[in-house]
Amino acid sequence: MQEPHQLHWITTRSILRYVQGAIAFGIHYAASIALNLLGFTDSNCTGDSFDGKSTSGYSLSLGSGPICWSSKKQTAIALSSVEAKYIGVFNITIQALWLQHFLTELGVQFHQPIVIWCDSQSTLKLCMFLVLPN
């Protein structure tokens, strides 16, 4: 910044005070916790008022702490809340499977299946219908 103004200094001091007060917070990984992948996903169903696209987000944890997360606008326009949430579940599933294969190549042993939490019963039923054979 070439010419900082008073507002810049006030904002900088506010940020530094926040960091100083939150220095003890963080993500803690415990060695005694089993290494299982656990995911949470959610999507907004209303979409952006400009282009109608919903936003999906997810977080994947390995053991006791998160290792990856994402929040971004979906590439397609969902026609229902179930479809918007299904796209979110699809995105986290792709990431979780890639992560599981990557960690397996590094020698991590998984003894439990990947668990993905979604807050829509309709979306879960749709996932089961599309995945499980009749």
C-alpha atoms as a PDB file:
ATOM      1  CA  MET A   1       0.000   0.000   0.000  1.00  0.00           C
ATOM      2  CA  GLN A   2       1.472   3.256  -1.134  1.00  0.00           C
ATOM      3  CA  GLU A   3      -0.439   5.627   1.130  1.00  0.00           C
ATOM      4  CA  PRO A   4      -2.135   3.997   4.124  1.00  0.00           C
ATOM      5  CA  HIS A   5      -4.892   6.045   5.697  1.00  0.00           C
ATOM      6  CA  GLN A   6      -6.272   6.108   9.234  1.00  0.00           C
ATOM      7  CA  LEU A   7      -8.962   3.550   8.307  1.00  0.00           C
ATOM      8  CA  HIS A   8      -6.249   1.097   7.209  1.00  0.00           C
ATOM      9  CA  TRP A   9      -4.424   1.410  10.543  1.00  0.00           C
ATOM     10  CA  ILE A  10      -7.656   0.962  12.520  1.00  0.00           C
ATOM     11  CA  THR A  11      -8.540  -2.151  10.504  1.00  0.00           C
ATOM     12  CA  THR A  12      -5.009  -3.574  10.879  1.00  0.00           C
ATOM     13  CA  ARG A  13      -5.065  -3.074  14.661  1.00  0.00           C
ATOM     14  CA  SER A  14      -8.503  -4.717  14.841  1.00  0.00           C
ATOM     15  CA  ILE A  15      -7.236  -7.767  12.924  1.00  0.00           C
ATOM     16  CA  LEU A  16      -4.134  -8.061  15.125  1.00  0.00           C
ATOM     17  CA  ARG A  17      -6.259  -7.820  18.296  1.00  0.00           C
ATOM     18  CA  TYR A  18      -8.458 -10.632  16.966  1.00  0.00           C
ATOM     19  CA  VAL A  19      -5.455 -12.830  16.159  1.00  0.00           C
ATOM     20  CA  GLN A  20      -3.946 -12.180  19.597  1.00  0.00           C
ATOM     21  CA  GLY A  21      -7.217 -13.175  21.300  1.00  0.00           C
ATOM     22  CA  ALA A  22      -7.655 -16.307  19.192  1.00  0.00           C
ATOM     23  CA  ILE A  23      -4.055 -17.580  19.398  1.00  0.00           C
ATOM     24  CA  ALA A  24      -5.096 -20.633  21.482  1.00  0.00           C
ATOM     25  CA  PHE A  25      -7.799 -21.683  19.014  1.00  0.00           C
ATOM     26  CA  GLY A  26      -7.028 -23.983  16.151  1.00  0.00           C
ATOM     27  CA  ILE A  27      -7.515 -27.382  14.646  1.00  0.00           C
ATOM     28  CA  HIS A  28      -6.144 -30.130  16.863  1.00  0.00           C
ATOM     29  CA  TYR A  29      -5.386 -33.606  15.578  1.00  0.00           C
ATOM     30  CA  ALA A  30      -5.216 -36.428  18.109  1.00  0.00           C
ATOM     31  CA  ALA A  31      -3.036 -39.457  17.380  1.00  0.00           C
ATOM     32  CA  SER A  32      -5.289 -41.725  19.449  1.00  0.00           C
ATOM     33  CA  ILE A  33      -8.367 -41.160  17.232  1.00  0.00           C
ATOM     34  CA  ALA A  34      -9.105 -43.706  14.483  1.00  0.00           C
ATOM     35  CA  LEU A  35      -8.494 -42.376  10.992  1.00  0.00           C
ATOM     36  CA  ASN A  36     -11.979 -42.443   9.504  1.00  0.00           C
ATOM     37  CA  LEU A  37     -13.255 -40.058   6.849  1.00  0.00           C
ATOM     38  CA  LEU A  38     -16.330 -38.092   7.899  1.00  0.00           C
ATOM     39  CA  GLY A  39     -18.065 -35.550   5.694  1.00  0.00           C
ATOM     40  CA  PHE A  40     -20.742 -32.893   6.106  1.00  0.00           C
ATOM     41  CA  THR A  41     -22.466 -31.163   3.207  1.00  0.00           C
ATOM     42  CA  ASP A  42     -25.155 -28.555   2.729  1.00  0.00           C
ATOM     43  CA  SER A  43     -26.515 -26.441  -0.119  1.00  0.00           C
ATOM     44  CA  ASN A  44     -28.669 -23.380  -0.318  1.00  0.00           C
ATOM     45  CA  CYS A  45     -31.760 -24.084  -2.331  1.00  0.00           C
ATOM     46  CA  THR A  46     -32.761 -20.604  -3.449  1.00  0.00           C
ATOM     47  CA  GLY A  47     -29.788 -19.955  -5.687  1.00  0.00           C
ATOM     48  CA  ASP A  48     -28.199 -16.717  -6.738  1.00  0.00           C
ATOM     49  CA  SER A  49     -30.792 -14.101  -7.739  1.00  0.00           C
ATOM     50  CA  PHE A  50     -28.694 -13.192 -10.799  1.00  0.00           C
ATOM     51  CA  ASP A  51     -28.064 -16.600 -12.411  1.00  0.00           C
ATOM     52  CA  GLY A  52     -30.209 -19.000 -10.330  1.00  0.00           C
ATOM     53  CA  LYS A  53     -27.294 -21.243  -9.329  1.00  0.00           C
ATOM     54  CA  SER A  54     -27.173 -22.679  -5.801  1.00  0.00           C
ATOM     55  CA  THR A  55     -24.115 -22.745  -3.552  1.00  0.00           C
ATOM     56  CA  SER A  56     -22.815 -25.997  -2.069  1.00  0.00           C
ATOM     57  CA  GLY A  57     -20.391 -26.485   0.756  1.00  0.00           C
ATOM     58  CA  TYR A  58     -18.711 -29.425   2.420  1.00  0.00           C
ATOM     59  CA  SER A  59     -16.139 -30.324   5.007  1.00  0.00           C
ATOM     60  CA  LEU A  60     -14.182 -33.601   5.256  1.00  0.00           C
ATOM     61  CA  SER A  61     -12.542 -34.674   8.506  1.00  0.00           C
ATOM     62  CA  LEU A  62      -9.905 -37.324   9.030  1.00  0.00           C
ATOM     63  CA  GLY A  63      -9.866 -38.487  12.617  1.00  0.00           C
ATOM     64  CA  SER A  64     -10.349 -35.529  14.910  1.00  0.00           C
ATOM     65  CA  GLY A  65     -10.052 -32.543  12.593  1.00  0.00           C
ATOM     66  CA  PRO A  66     -10.999 -31.206   9.180  1.00  0.00           C
ATOM     67  CA  ILE A  67      -8.542 -31.713   6.342  1.00  0.00           C
ATOM     68  CA  CYS A  68     -10.412 -30.202   3.400  1.00  0.00           C
ATOM     69  CA  TRP A  69     -13.457 -28.079   2.756  1.00  0.00           C
ATOM     70  CA  SER A  70     -15.092 -26.211  -0.068  1.00  0.00           C
ATOM     71  CA  SER A  71     -17.856 -23.713  -0.653  1.00  0.00           C
ATOM     72  CA  LYS A  72     -18.657 -22.656  -4.183  1.00  0.00           C
ATOM     73  CA  LYS A  73     -21.418 -21.950  -6.632  1.00  0.00           C
ATOM     74  CA  GLN A  74     -22.727 -24.990  -8.473  1.00  0.00           C
ATOM     75  CA  THR A  75     -22.019 -25.222 -12.200  1.00  0.00           C
ATOM     76  CA  ALA A  76     -25.591 -26.224 -13.090  1.00  0.00           C
ATOM     77  CA  ILE A  77     -28.933 -24.683 -12.183  1.00  0.00           C
ATOM     78  CA  ALA A  78     -30.823 -26.954  -9.781  1.00  0.00           C
ATOM     79  CA  LEU A  79     -34.554 -27.121 -10.385  1.00  0.00           C
ATOM     80  CA  SER A  80     -35.396 -28.188  -6.806  1.00  0.00           C
ATOM     81  CA  SER A  81     -33.918 -28.184  -3.331  1.00  0.00           C
ATOM     82  CA  VAL A  82     -33.394 -31.964  -3.565  1.00  0.00           C
ATOM     83  CA  GLU A  83     -31.415 -31.537  -6.779  1.00  0.00           C
ATOM     84  CA  ALA A  84     -29.288 -28.744  -5.262  1.00  0.00           C
ATOM     85  CA  LYS A  85     -28.473 -30.906  -2.244  1.00  0.00           C
ATOM     86  CA  TYR A  86     -27.830 -33.953  -4.469  1.00  0.00           C
ATOM     87  CA  ILE A  87     -25.234 -31.963  -6.428  1.00  0.00           C
ATOM     88  CA  GLY A  88     -23.588 -31.098  -3.085  1.00  0.00           C
ATOM     89  CA  VAL A  89     -23.563 -34.764  -2.013  1.00  0.00           C
ATOM     90  CA  PHE A  90     -22.124 -35.714  -5.404  1.00  0.00           C
ATOM     91  CA  ASN A  91     -19.294 -33.158  -5.040  1.00  0.00           C
ATOM     92  CA  ILE A  92     -18.291 -34.309  -1.544  1.00  0.00           C
ATOM     93  CA  THR A  93     -18.446 -37.959  -2.625  1.00  0.00           C
ATOM     94  CA  ILE A  94     -16.006 -37.333  -5.464  1.00  0.00           C
ATOM     95  CA  GLN A  95     -13.624 -35.501  -3.112  1.00  0.00           C
ATOM     96  CA  ALA A  96     -13.926 -38.144  -0.363  1.00  0.00           C
ATOM     97  CA  LEU A  97     -13.210 -41.036  -2.742  1.00  0.00           C
ATOM     98  CA  TRP A  98     -10.222 -39.230  -4.245  1.00  0.00           C
ATOM     99  CA  LEU A  99      -8.911 -38.459  -0.755  1.00  0.00           C
ATOM    100  CA  GLN A 100      -9.400 -42.053   0.399  1.00  0.00           C
ATOM    101  CA  HIS A 101      -7.469 -43.422  -2.598  1.00  0.00           C
ATOM    102  CA  PHE A 102      -4.719 -40.842  -2.118  1.00  0.00           C
ATOM    103  CA  LEU A 103      -4.317 -41.617   1.586  1.00  0.00           C
ATOM    104  CA  THR A 104      -4.389 -45.366   0.869  1.00  0.00           C
ATOM    105  CA  GLU A 105      -1.454 -44.877  -1.500  1.00  0.00           C
ATOM    106  CA  LEU A 106       0.360 -43.142   1.360  1.00  0.00           C
ATOM    107  CA  GLY A 107      -0.208 -46.190   3.585  1.00  0.00           C
ATOM    108  CA  VAL A 108      -3.207 -45.067   5.639  1.00  0.00           C
ATOM    109  CA  GLN A 109      -5.472 -48.007   6.495  1.00  0.00           C
ATOM    110  CA  PHE A 110      -9.243 -47.414   6.554  1.00  0.00           C
ATOM    111  CA  HIS A 111     -11.380 -49.867   8.541  1.00  0.00           C
ATOM    112  CA  GLN A 112     -14.706 -48.006   8.298  1.00  0.00           C
ATOM    113  CA  PRO A 113     -16.614 -46.723   5.252  1.00  0.00           C
ATOM    114  CA  ILE A 114     -16.738 -43.026   4.501  1.00  0.00           C
ATOM    115  CA  VAL A 115     -19.667 -41.385   6.323  1.00  0.00           C
ATOM    116  CA  ILE A 116     -21.284 -38.360   4.663  1.00  0.00           C
ATOM    117  CA  TRP A 117     -23.960 -36.378   6.506  1.00  0.00           C
ATOM    118  CA  CYS A 118     -26.673 -34.499   4.622  1.00  0.00           C
ATOM    119  CA  ASP A 119     -29.669 -32.706   6.140  1.00  0.00           C
ATOM    120  CA  SER A 120     -32.252 -33.769   3.546  1.00  0.00           C
ATOM    121  CA  GLN A 121     -34.134 -37.061   3.821  1.00  0.00           C
ATOM    122  CA  SER A 122     -35.363 -36.712   0.235  1.00  0.00           C
ATOM    123  CA  THR A 123     -31.812 -36.329  -1.050  1.00  0.00           C
ATOM    124  CA  LEU A 124     -30.663 -39.365   0.933  1.00  0.00           C
ATOM    125  CA  LYS A 125     -33.502 -41.443  -0.527  1.00  0.00           C
ATOM    126  CA  LEU A 126     -32.595 -40.247  -4.024  1.00  0.00           C
ATOM    127  CA  CYS A 127     -28.947 -41.206  -3.456  1.00  0.00           C
ATOM    128  CA  MET A 128     -29.940 -44.673  -2.267  1.00  0.00           C
ATOM    129  CA  PHE A 129     -32.316 -45.114  -5.229  1.00  0.00           C
ATOM    130  CA  LEU A 130     -29.636 -44.142  -7.755  1.00  0.00           C
ATOM    131  CA  VAL A 131     -26.827 -46.178  -6.175  1.00  0.00           C
ATOM    132  CA  LEU A 132     -28.430 -49.384  -4.905  1.00  0.00           C
ATOM    133  CA  PRO A 133     -29.581 -51.930  -7.477  1.00  0.00           C
ATOM    134  CA  ASN A 134     -33.261 -52.905  -7.428  1.00  0.00           C
END
